[in-house]
Protein backbone atom coordinates (compact mmCIF):
# COMPACT_ATOMS: atom_id res chain seq x y z
CA MET A 1 2.68 -28.11 17.83
CA HIS A 2 5.27 -25.39 18.19
CA VAL A 3 3.84 -22.24 16.55
CA LEU A 4 5.80 -19.10 15.72
CA LEU A 5 3.64 -15.95 15.59
CA ILE A 6 5.07 -12.96 13.72
CA GLY A 7 4.08 -9.48 14.92
CA SER A 8 3.91 -7.15 17.90
CA GLY A 9 0.50 -5.46 18.05
CA GLY A 10 -2.93 -5.84 19.55
CA ARG A 11 -3.90 -8.10 16.66
CA GLU A 12 -1.07 -10.49 17.53
CA HIS A 13 -1.98 -10.46 21.24
CA ALA A 14 -5.55 -11.45 20.30
CA ILE A 15 -4.26 -14.15 17.93
CA ALA A 16 -1.90 -15.46 20.62
CA ALA A 17 -4.74 -15.66 23.14
CA ALA A 18 -6.90 -17.59 20.64
CA LEU A 19 -4.07 -19.96 19.69
CA ARG A 20 -3.50 -20.64 23.40
CA ARG A 21 -7.00 -22.16 23.57
CA SER A 22 -6.12 -24.88 21.02
CA PRO A 23 -5.41 -28.38 22.33
CA LYS A 24 -2.99 -28.77 19.41
CA LEU A 25 -0.63 -26.11 20.79
CA THR A 26 2.34 -27.22 22.86
CA ARG A 27 4.59 -24.15 22.52
CA LEU A 28 3.95 -20.59 21.32
CA THR A 29 6.75 -18.23 20.36
CA CYS A 30 6.22 -14.66 19.18
CA ALA A 31 8.61 -12.43 17.26
CA PRO A 32 9.04 -9.75 18.43
CA GLY A 33 5.85 -9.60 20.57
CA ASN A 34 5.07 -7.06 23.30
CA ALA A 35 4.69 -6.87 27.07
CA GLY A 36 1.20 -8.41 27.01
CA ILE A 37 2.10 -11.28 24.70
CA ALA A 38 5.10 -12.05 26.94
CA ALA A 39 2.66 -13.37 29.56
CA ILE A 40 1.38 -16.14 27.25
CA ALA A 41 4.23 -16.80 24.79
CA ASP A 42 8.02 -16.94 24.57
CA LEU A 43 9.40 -13.80 22.91
CA VAL A 44 12.28 -13.86 20.46
CA ALA A 45 14.04 -10.88 18.88
CA LEU A 46 13.67 -11.87 15.24
CA ASP A 47 13.38 -9.35 12.40
CA PRO A 48 10.52 -10.57 10.15
CA ALA A 49 12.23 -8.83 7.21
CA ASP A 50 15.22 -11.16 7.63
CA HIS A 51 13.70 -14.26 6.04
CA ALA A 52 16.87 -16.30 6.39
CA ALA A 53 16.97 -15.64 10.14
CA VAL A 54 13.31 -16.62 10.53
CA ILE A 55 13.90 -19.87 8.64
CA ALA A 56 17.03 -20.64 10.65
CA PHE A 57 15.13 -20.10 13.90
CA CYS A 58 12.28 -22.35 12.76
CA LYS A 59 14.69 -25.17 11.93
CA ALA A 60 16.75 -24.77 15.10
CA GLU A 61 13.72 -24.63 17.41
CA GLY A 62 11.50 -27.20 15.69
CA VAL A 63 8.76 -24.76 14.67
CA ASP A 64 5.90 -26.66 13.02
CA PHE A 65 3.82 -23.72 11.83
CA VAL A 66 4.32 -19.99 11.30
CA VAL A 67 1.41 -17.53 11.66
CA ILE A 68 2.09 -14.10 10.16
CA GLY A 69 0.14 -11.20 11.65
CA PRO A 70 1.11 -8.01 9.77
CA GLU A 71 0.96 -7.30 6.06
CA ALA A 72 4.55 -6.25 5.30
CA PRO A 73 6.13 -9.74 5.65
CA LEU A 74 3.34 -11.21 3.48
CA VAL A 75 3.82 -8.64 0.74
CA ALA A 76 7.58 -9.22 0.97
CA GLY A 77 7.14 -12.96 0.28
CA LEU A 78 7.94 -14.49 3.68
CA VAL A 79 5.40 -17.28 3.06
CA ASP A 80 7.07 -18.14 -0.27
CA ASP A 81 10.45 -18.48 1.42
CA LEU A 82 9.09 -20.50 4.34
CA PHE A 83 7.35 -22.97 2.02
CA ALA A 84 10.51 -23.24 -0.10
CA ALA A 85 12.32 -24.23 3.11
CA GLY A 86 9.67 -26.87 3.92
CA ILE A 87 8.02 -24.86 6.72
CA LYS A 88 4.22 -24.51 6.85
CA ALA A 89 2.84 -21.01 7.19
CA PHE A 90 -0.51 -19.26 7.39
CA GLY A 91 -1.00 -16.42 4.95
CA PRO A 92 -0.82 -15.66 1.23
CA LYS A 93 2.28 -15.81 -0.92
CA ARG A 94 3.80 -12.69 -2.49
CA GLU A 95 1.72 -12.51 -5.69
CA PRO A 96 -1.78 -12.81 -4.15
CA ALA A 97 -0.62 -10.57 -1.27
CA ARG A 98 -0.52 -7.78 -3.87
CA LEU A 99 -4.23 -7.41 -3.09
CA GLU A 100 -3.00 -5.30 -0.19
CA GLY A 101 0.42 -4.38 -1.54
CA SER A 102 -1.00 -2.54 -4.56
CA LYS A 103 -4.30 -0.67 -4.75
CA ALA A 104 -4.05 -0.68 -8.56
CA PHE A 105 -3.63 -4.49 -8.60
CA THR A 106 -6.87 -4.86 -6.66
CA LYS A 107 -8.80 -2.41 -8.84
CA GLU A 108 -7.70 -4.26 -11.97
CA LEU A 109 -8.78 -7.57 -10.44
CA CYS A 110 -12.17 -6.01 -9.65
CA THR A 111 -12.55 -5.13 -13.32
CA GLU A 112 -11.50 -8.62 -14.41
CA ALA A 113 -13.85 -10.39 -11.98
CA ALA A 114 -16.75 -7.88 -12.22
CA ILE A 115 -16.53 -7.05 -8.50
CA PRO A 116 -18.52 -3.95 -7.50
CA THR A 117 -16.20 -1.08 -6.53
CA ALA A 118 -15.77 2.66 -7.07
CA ALA A 119 -14.80 4.08 -10.47
CA TYR A 120 -11.11 4.97 -10.47
CA GLY A 121 -8.00 6.09 -12.30
CA ARG A 122 -4.36 5.10 -11.68
CA PHE A 123 -1.47 7.45 -12.25
CA ALA A 124 2.32 7.43 -12.18
CA ASP A 125 2.41 11.11 -13.16
CA ALA A 126 1.43 13.98 -10.86
CA GLU A 127 0.05 16.25 -13.59
CA ALA A 128 -2.20 13.54 -14.99
CA ALA A 129 -3.45 12.78 -11.47
CA ARG A 130 -4.16 16.47 -10.81
CA ALA A 131 -6.05 16.75 -14.09
CA TYR A 132 -8.19 13.74 -13.15
CA VAL A 133 -9.07 15.34 -9.79
CA LEU A 134 -10.02 18.60 -11.50
CA ASP A 135 -12.19 16.69 -13.96
CA ARG A 136 -13.97 14.49 -11.38
CA GLY A 137 -14.39 17.06 -8.61
CA ALA A 138 -14.93 16.35 -4.91
CA PRO A 139 -15.54 14.48 -2.68
CA ILE A 140 -12.91 12.11 -4.01
CA VAL A 141 -10.47 9.58 -2.55
CA VAL A 142 -6.70 9.68 -3.13
CA LYS A 143 -4.68 6.57 -2.28
CA ALA A 144 -0.97 5.85 -2.36
CA ASP A 145 -0.72 2.62 -4.34
CA GLY A 146 1.57 0.73 -1.97
CA LEU A 147 1.76 -0.05 1.75
CA ALA A 148 1.68 3.12 3.84
CA ALA A 149 0.83 1.74 7.29
CA GLY A 150 -2.79 2.87 7.04
CA LYS A 151 -1.81 6.50 6.40
CA GLY A 152 -1.78 6.65 2.58
CA VAL A 153 -5.51 7.29 2.04
CA VAL A 154 -7.14 10.73 1.97
CA VAL A 155 -10.92 11.10 1.67
CA ALA A 156 -10.90 14.63 0.27
CA SER A 157 -13.98 16.79 0.76
CA SER A 158 -12.61 19.50 -1.55
CA VAL A 159 -10.62 19.62 -4.77
CA GLU A 160 -7.88 21.55 -2.97
CA GLU A 161 -7.52 18.82 -0.35
CA ALA A 162 -7.35 16.18 -3.08
CA LEU A 163 -4.66 18.08 -4.97
CA GLU A 164 -2.64 18.41 -1.76
CA ALA A 165 -2.92 14.63 -1.26
CA VAL A 166 -1.72 14.00 -4.82
CA ASP A 167 1.24 16.33 -4.28
CA ALA A 168 2.06 14.61 -0.96
CA CYS A 169 2.19 11.19 -2.63
CA PHE A 170 4.40 12.30 -5.50
CA SER A 171 6.68 14.38 -3.26
CA GLY A 172 7.66 11.27 -1.30
CA ALA A 173 5.50 11.63 1.83
CA PHE A 174 4.83 7.87 1.71
CA GLY A 175 8.14 6.78 0.16
CA ASP A 176 7.92 4.20 -2.59
CA ALA A 177 4.27 3.52 -1.68
CA GLY A 178 3.30 6.85 -3.28
CA ALA A 179 5.19 6.40 -6.54
CA GLU A 180 1.84 5.51 -8.09
CA VAL A 181 -1.56 6.84 -7.07
CA VAL A 182 -5.09 5.49 -7.32
CA ILE A 183 -7.89 8.07 -7.33
CA GLU A 184 -11.43 6.84 -6.73
CA ASP A 185 -14.94 8.20 -6.64
CA CYS A 186 -16.14 8.58 -3.06
CA LEU A 187 -18.61 5.87 -2.04
CA VAL A 188 -21.50 6.83 0.23
CA GLY A 189 -22.98 4.45 2.78
CA GLU A 190 -21.90 2.65 5.94
CA GLU A 191 -18.48 1.05 6.19
CA ALA A 192 -17.98 -2.53 7.35
CA SER A 193 -15.12 -5.01 7.55
CA PHE A 194 -15.75 -8.59 6.48
CA PHE A 195 -13.42 -11.53 7.09
CA ALA A 196 -13.21 -14.91 5.38
CA ILE A 197 -10.63 -17.69 5.47
CA THR A 198 -9.68 -19.66 2.36
CA ASP A 199 -7.35 -22.43 1.21
CA GLY A 200 -7.37 -21.06 -2.33
CA ILE A 201 -10.44 -23.07 -3.39
CA ASP A 202 -12.95 -23.25 -0.56
CA VAL A 203 -13.94 -20.08 1.27
CA LEU A 204 -15.29 -20.03 4.83
CA PRO A 205 -16.96 -16.82 6.03
CA LEU A 206 -15.88 -15.70 9.48
CA ALA A 207 -17.62 -12.53 10.68
CA ALA A 208 -18.15 -8.84 10.08
CA ALA A 209 -17.04 -5.90 12.21
CA GLN A 210 -17.19 -2.14 12.09
CA ASP A 211 -14.01 -0.15 12.65
CA HIS A 212 -13.76 3.52 13.67
CA LYS A 213 -10.92 5.11 11.69
CA ARG A 214 -11.15 8.78 12.65
CA VAL A 215 -9.25 9.85 15.75
CA GLY A 216 -12.06 11.85 17.37
CA ASP A 217 -15.59 11.33 18.64
CA GLY A 218 -18.28 11.66 15.99
CA ASP A 219 -15.82 10.41 13.35
CA LYS A 220 -13.93 13.71 13.34
CA GLY A 221 -10.25 14.36 12.73
CA PRO A 222 -7.56 12.51 10.76
CA ASN A 223 -7.65 8.83 9.82
CA THR A 224 -5.83 6.40 12.09
CA GLY A 225 -5.08 2.70 12.08
CA GLY A 226 -8.36 2.29 14.01
CA MET A 227 -9.61 3.65 17.34
CA GLY A 228 -12.07 0.86 18.14
CA ALA A 229 -14.43 -1.70 16.64
CA TYR A 230 -17.38 -3.93 17.35
CA SER A 231 -18.66 -7.25 15.99
CA PRO A 232 -21.10 -8.34 14.71
CA THR A 233 -22.44 -5.24 12.97
CA PRO A 234 -26.15 -4.75 12.20
CA VAL A 235 -25.37 -3.48 8.70
CA VAL A 236 -24.15 -6.98 7.71
CA ASP A 237 -27.08 -9.34 8.28
CA GLU A 238 -27.33 -12.86 6.82
CA THR A 239 -28.63 -11.61 3.49
CA MET A 240 -25.84 -9.01 3.17
CA GLU A 241 -23.22 -11.60 4.16
CA MET A 242 -24.38 -13.84 1.33
CA ARG A 243 -24.14 -10.95 -1.12
CA ILE A 244 -20.63 -10.06 0.10
CA MET A 245 -19.53 -13.66 -0.35
CA ASP A 246 -21.24 -14.15 -3.74
CA GLU A 247 -20.42 -10.78 -5.30
CA ILE A 248 -17.01 -9.93 -3.81
CA VAL A 249 -15.08 -12.54 -1.81
CA VAL A 250 -15.71 -15.75 -3.78
CA PRO A 251 -15.14 -14.09 -7.20
CA THR A 252 -11.82 -12.74 -5.89
CA VAL A 253 -10.66 -16.17 -4.73
CA ARG A 254 -11.77 -17.77 -8.00
CA CYS A 255 -10.03 -15.10 -10.09
CA LEU A 256 -6.72 -15.55 -8.28
CA ALA A 257 -6.98 -19.35 -8.54
CA LYS A 258 -7.67 -19.06 -12.27
CA ARG A 259 -4.53 -16.93 -12.63
CA GLY A 260 -2.51 -19.70 -10.98
CA THR A 261 -1.82 -17.63 -7.85
CA PRO A 262 -4.30 -19.01 -5.28
CA PHE A 263 -4.93 -16.95 -2.17
CA VAL A 264 -4.40 -18.85 1.08
CA GLY A 265 -5.12 -17.21 4.42
CA VAL A 266 -7.50 -14.55 5.70
CA LEU A 267 -9.12 -12.17 3.26
CA PHE A 268 -10.26 -8.92 4.86
CA ALA A 269 -12.65 -6.93 2.69
CA GLY A 270 -13.11 -3.27 3.55
CA LEU A 271 -16.61 -2.49 2.31
CA MET A 272 -19.06 0.32 1.81
CA ILE A 273 -22.64 -0.88 2.22
CA GLU A 274 -24.63 1.30 -0.13
CA ALA A 275 -28.36 1.40 -0.77
CA ASP A 276 -27.95 -0.98 -3.71
CA GLY A 277 -25.57 -3.40 -1.96
CA PRO A 278 -21.93 -3.89 -0.97
CA LYS A 279 -18.98 -2.31 -2.78
CA LEU A 280 -15.31 -3.10 -2.20
CA ILE A 281 -13.19 -0.24 -0.86
CA GLU A 282 -10.00 -2.24 -0.41
CA TYR A 283 -8.58 -5.62 0.49
CA ASN A 284 -6.23 -6.51 3.31
CA VAL A 285 -4.53 -9.89 3.27
CA ARG A 286 -4.45 -10.53 7.02
CA PHE A 287 -6.55 -10.07 10.11
CA GLY A 288 -7.41 -6.44 10.82
CA ASP A 289 -6.40 -4.35 13.79
CA PRO A 290 -8.45 -3.55 15.91
CA GLU A 291 -11.04 -5.88 14.32
CA THR A 292 -9.15 -9.00 15.44
CA GLU A 293 -9.62 -7.87 19.02
CA VAL A 294 -13.41 -8.24 18.59
CA LEU A 295 -13.49 -11.20 16.19
CA LEU A 296 -11.34 -13.68 18.08
CA PRO A 297 -12.90 -13.22 21.56
CA ARG A 298 -16.16 -14.28 19.85
CA LEU A 299 -14.62 -17.26 18.01
CA GLN A 300 -15.56 -20.58 19.62
CA SER A 301 -13.88 -22.83 17.06
CA ASP A 302 -10.20 -23.83 17.21
CA LEU A 303 -8.28 -21.02 15.46
CA LEU A 304 -5.14 -23.11 15.04
CA GLU A 305 -7.10 -25.91 13.36
CA LEU A 306 -8.76 -23.44 10.96
CA MET A 307 -5.38 -21.92 10.09
CA LEU A 308 -3.84 -25.35 9.51
CA ALA A 309 -6.78 -26.42 7.34
CA SER A 310 -6.27 -23.31 5.24
CA ALA A 311 -2.52 -23.85 4.84
CA GLU A 312 -2.95 -27.57 4.08
CA GLY A 313 -5.75 -27.15 1.52
CA ARG A 314 -8.42 -28.95 3.50
CA LEU A 315 -10.79 -26.19 4.55
CA SER A 316 -13.83 -27.92 3.04
CA GLY A 317 -16.11 -29.23 5.78
CA ASN A 318 -14.77 -26.92 8.47
CA ILE A 319 -17.06 -24.48 10.24
CA ALA A 320 -16.39 -21.36 12.28
CA ASN A 321 -18.66 -20.96 15.30
CA PHE A 322 -19.00 -17.59 17.01
CA ASP A 323 -20.46 -16.40 20.29
CA ASP A 324 -23.76 -14.63 19.52
CA ARG A 325 -22.87 -11.81 21.87
CA THR A 326 -21.38 -8.51 20.75
CA ALA A 327 -17.71 -7.76 21.31
CA LEU A 328 -16.59 -4.13 21.43
CA THR A 329 -13.03 -2.85 21.73
CA VAL A 330 -11.77 0.61 22.67
CA VAL A 331 -8.27 1.59 21.60
CA MET A 332 -6.23 3.65 24.04
CA ALA A 333 -3.60 5.70 22.24
CA ALA A 334 -0.73 7.99 23.21
CA GLU A 335 -1.52 11.72 23.24
CA GLY A 336 -0.61 13.18 19.86
CA TYR A 337 -1.47 10.05 17.84
CA PRO A 338 -1.76 9.77 14.82
CA GLY A 339 0.84 12.55 14.78
CA SER A 340 3.96 12.64 16.94
CA TYR A 341 3.69 11.11 20.40
CA ARG A 342 5.91 10.36 23.37
CA LYS A 343 7.00 6.85 24.36
CA GLY A 344 7.83 5.57 27.82
CA SER A 345 4.91 6.82 29.95
CA ARG A 346 3.83 4.43 32.70
CA ILE A 347 0.47 2.62 32.58
CA ASP A 348 -1.23 1.27 35.72
CA GLY A 349 -4.54 -0.44 36.45
CA LEU A 350 -4.33 -3.08 33.73
CA ASP A 351 -4.83 -6.01 36.08
CA GLU A 352 -7.93 -4.39 37.60
CA ALA A 353 -9.38 -3.77 34.14
CA ALA A 354 -8.67 -7.33 32.98
CA ALA A 355 -10.30 -8.75 36.13
CA LEU A 356 -13.74 -7.41 35.15
CA PRO A 357 -16.18 -10.06 33.82
CA ASP A 358 -16.14 -10.56 30.02
CA VAL A 359 -13.20 -8.14 29.58
CA SER A 360 -9.89 -8.75 27.78
CA VAL A 361 -7.01 -6.27 27.76
CA PHE A 362 -4.91 -6.61 24.63
CA HIS A 363 -1.52 -4.92 24.46
CA ALA A 364 -0.63 -3.19 21.19
CA GLY A 365 2.30 -0.83 21.74
CA THR A 366 3.65 -1.69 25.19
CA ALA A 367 6.95 -2.63 26.75
CA ALA A 368 8.06 -3.78 30.20
CA LYS A 369 10.45 -1.44 32.04
CA ASP A 370 11.61 -1.63 35.66
CA GLY A 371 8.72 -3.91 36.59
CA ALA A 372 6.08 -1.65 35.05
CA ILE A 373 4.21 -1.49 31.74
CA VAL A 374 5.04 1.56 29.61
CA ALA A 375 3.70 2.94 26.33
CA ASN A 376 5.84 2.01 23.33
CA GLY A 377 3.74 3.07 20.35
CA GLY A 378 0.87 5.17 19.05
CA ARG A 379 -1.97 2.72 19.60
CA VAL A 380 -1.08 1.17 22.94
CA LEU A 381 -4.01 -0.88 24.30
CA ALA A 382 -7.22 -2.45 22.97
CA ILE A 383 -9.75 -3.09 25.72
CA THR A 384 -12.47 -5.53 24.67
CA ALA A 385 -15.72 -6.52 26.35
CA LEU A 386 -18.51 -8.96 25.49
CA GLY A 387 -22.16 -8.09 26.06
CA ASP A 388 -25.66 -9.17 25.07
CA SER A 389 -26.04 -5.92 23.09
CA VAL A 390 -23.73 -3.26 21.67
CA SER A 391 -24.80 -0.95 24.49
CA GLU A 392 -23.89 -3.51 27.14
CA ALA A 393 -20.55 -4.35 25.53
CA GLN A 394 -19.81 -0.64 25.23
CA ALA A 395 -20.63 0.01 28.89
CA LYS A 396 -18.42 -2.90 30.03
CA ALA A 397 -15.52 -1.79 27.82
CA TYR A 398 -15.58 1.79 29.08
CA ALA A 399 -15.88 0.60 32.69
CA ALA A 400 -12.59 -1.23 32.10
CA VAL A 401 -11.04 1.76 30.31
CA ASP A 402 -11.86 3.93 33.33
CA LEU A 403 -9.80 1.63 35.56
CA VAL A 404 -6.66 2.22 33.48
CA ARG A 405 -4.46 4.93 34.97
CA TRP A 406 -2.50 6.49 32.13
CA PRO A 407 -2.42 10.32 32.09
CA ASP A 408 -0.59 10.37 28.73
CA GLY A 409 -3.27 8.29 26.98
CA PHE A 410 -6.62 9.02 25.39
CA CYS A 411 -9.47 7.20 23.66
CA ARG A 412 -12.68 7.87 21.79
CA ARG A 413 -15.74 7.71 24.03
CA ASP A 414 -18.27 6.77 21.35
CA ILE A 415 -17.16 3.42 19.88
CA GLY A 416 -20.22 1.63 18.51
CA TRP A 417 -22.29 4.83 18.36
CA ARG A 418 -24.18 3.93 15.18
CA ALA A 419 -25.29 0.57 16.52
CA VAL A 420 -26.15 2.03 19.94
CA ALA A 421 -28.31 4.64 18.21
CA ARG A 422 -30.10 1.83 16.33
CA GLU A 423 -30.71 -0.06 19.59
CA ASN A 424 -32.13 3.05 21.21
CA GLY A 425 -34.48 3.65 18.28
C-alpha cells in the first residue's frame, strides 16, 4: 500500500516508524514531514489545509490510504473531503472531530451521555464569564473553546489569574478559538492519558500514558504541548482501564453513533484519576504528542492493519498487543519555549544517541541545512527509551539525552518522577 501521512512533528515520526514495520506498506509519503521522517519516508510539500491539493496528489500518486496526524485538518473536515473523493483515510470526520474542536461540544456530550467530568459554564460574553469566576472562586480552569495549539487552557490558582485568562480569551489572544470560553471546576487527582481506537461501533483499548505539561522540573512553570511522557502508568491498572472504557470512552462512541455522526479513529481521553474514579478533562481526536512517542514503540501489533480496520469498519476481533516494558520519552526544546525561541541552531550527537540499546530518537521540530540537523521549532526532539521499570527507562533516556550536543536546547530532568517515587517506595 502507498500511505500518505499528514504532519510534521514527533508524533508523525513515531507513526511513520510504526507504519514502516507493516508488511502491508510498500511506499510511505509524508506531508510536510521533518528531517527525521525524511530518512524513512518520501517528503512532499503539501499544505494539509489545501484539501483539493491533497486529493489531487493522492490521485496522481496512487495513494491508497491517508493517515492524519494533527488535529487541525481533522477539525477542518479533511477526512470528509477525502472520502467524498473515494480515498480512504484514518481519523474522524468534521462533526465528531468537534470533540477536540469545541470544548463546549464535549461538555454537552458529557451531560447527554452521563460521562463524569467537572462542573462547568460556557460563555460568549466576557462579563458573564467574569461573574461566574467571581461566584465559583479559585482554583478554577479557564479554556478557550476552540483549537489553540495546546495554549488555550489556564489552571488558575487565584481569582485574579482566572479573570486575566478570561480577558485574554475575549481580547483575541487565541483568535477565533477564544470567542467562546468554557470555565470548569478544578479537578484534583493524578492526570493520565488514555487511548482507544474505534470504527464507530467497536472500541479497542490501546494503552495509557502520563504526560508532563509544565515546562519545568517539579511541574513548575507554564503549560506546554508536553515535555515528556511514559507508558504504561501505574495510576491506570486493569480495573481503572475497565472503568475508563465503561464510564467514559464507550458511552462517548455510542452517543456519537446514536446521533448519526460515528467517531472513527483514535480517541484520546485526557483524564483526572480522582479518589472516586476517572473524570474526563478533555478529548483529543488523534494520537497525542509526546504520548505517541511512548505508545508506538511499545506496540507489537501492525499499526497499519489496525488503522485500516478502523477506517473500513471491521475492528471487531482485532487485538492490540503491547510490550510489557515501560517506554519513557524526554522532549528537548529550544531555549525560551513555550515563549519565543530561536530557530536554526545546530544539533549534533543524534546518531550516537540513537545507537544506544532500546533508544529511539524522534524528530519533532527539525530541518536539514548544509548537511546538518538544525532546530526548526519549539519542541525539537523526543528521545524515547524502553526499560523493565520506569527508573530503568528514565536512566536510558537521559543517557541518550546527554549524548545530544545542542547548547540552545533544554529539557526537564524529572520525567516519570511520580512513578519513580512509587518504585522507590
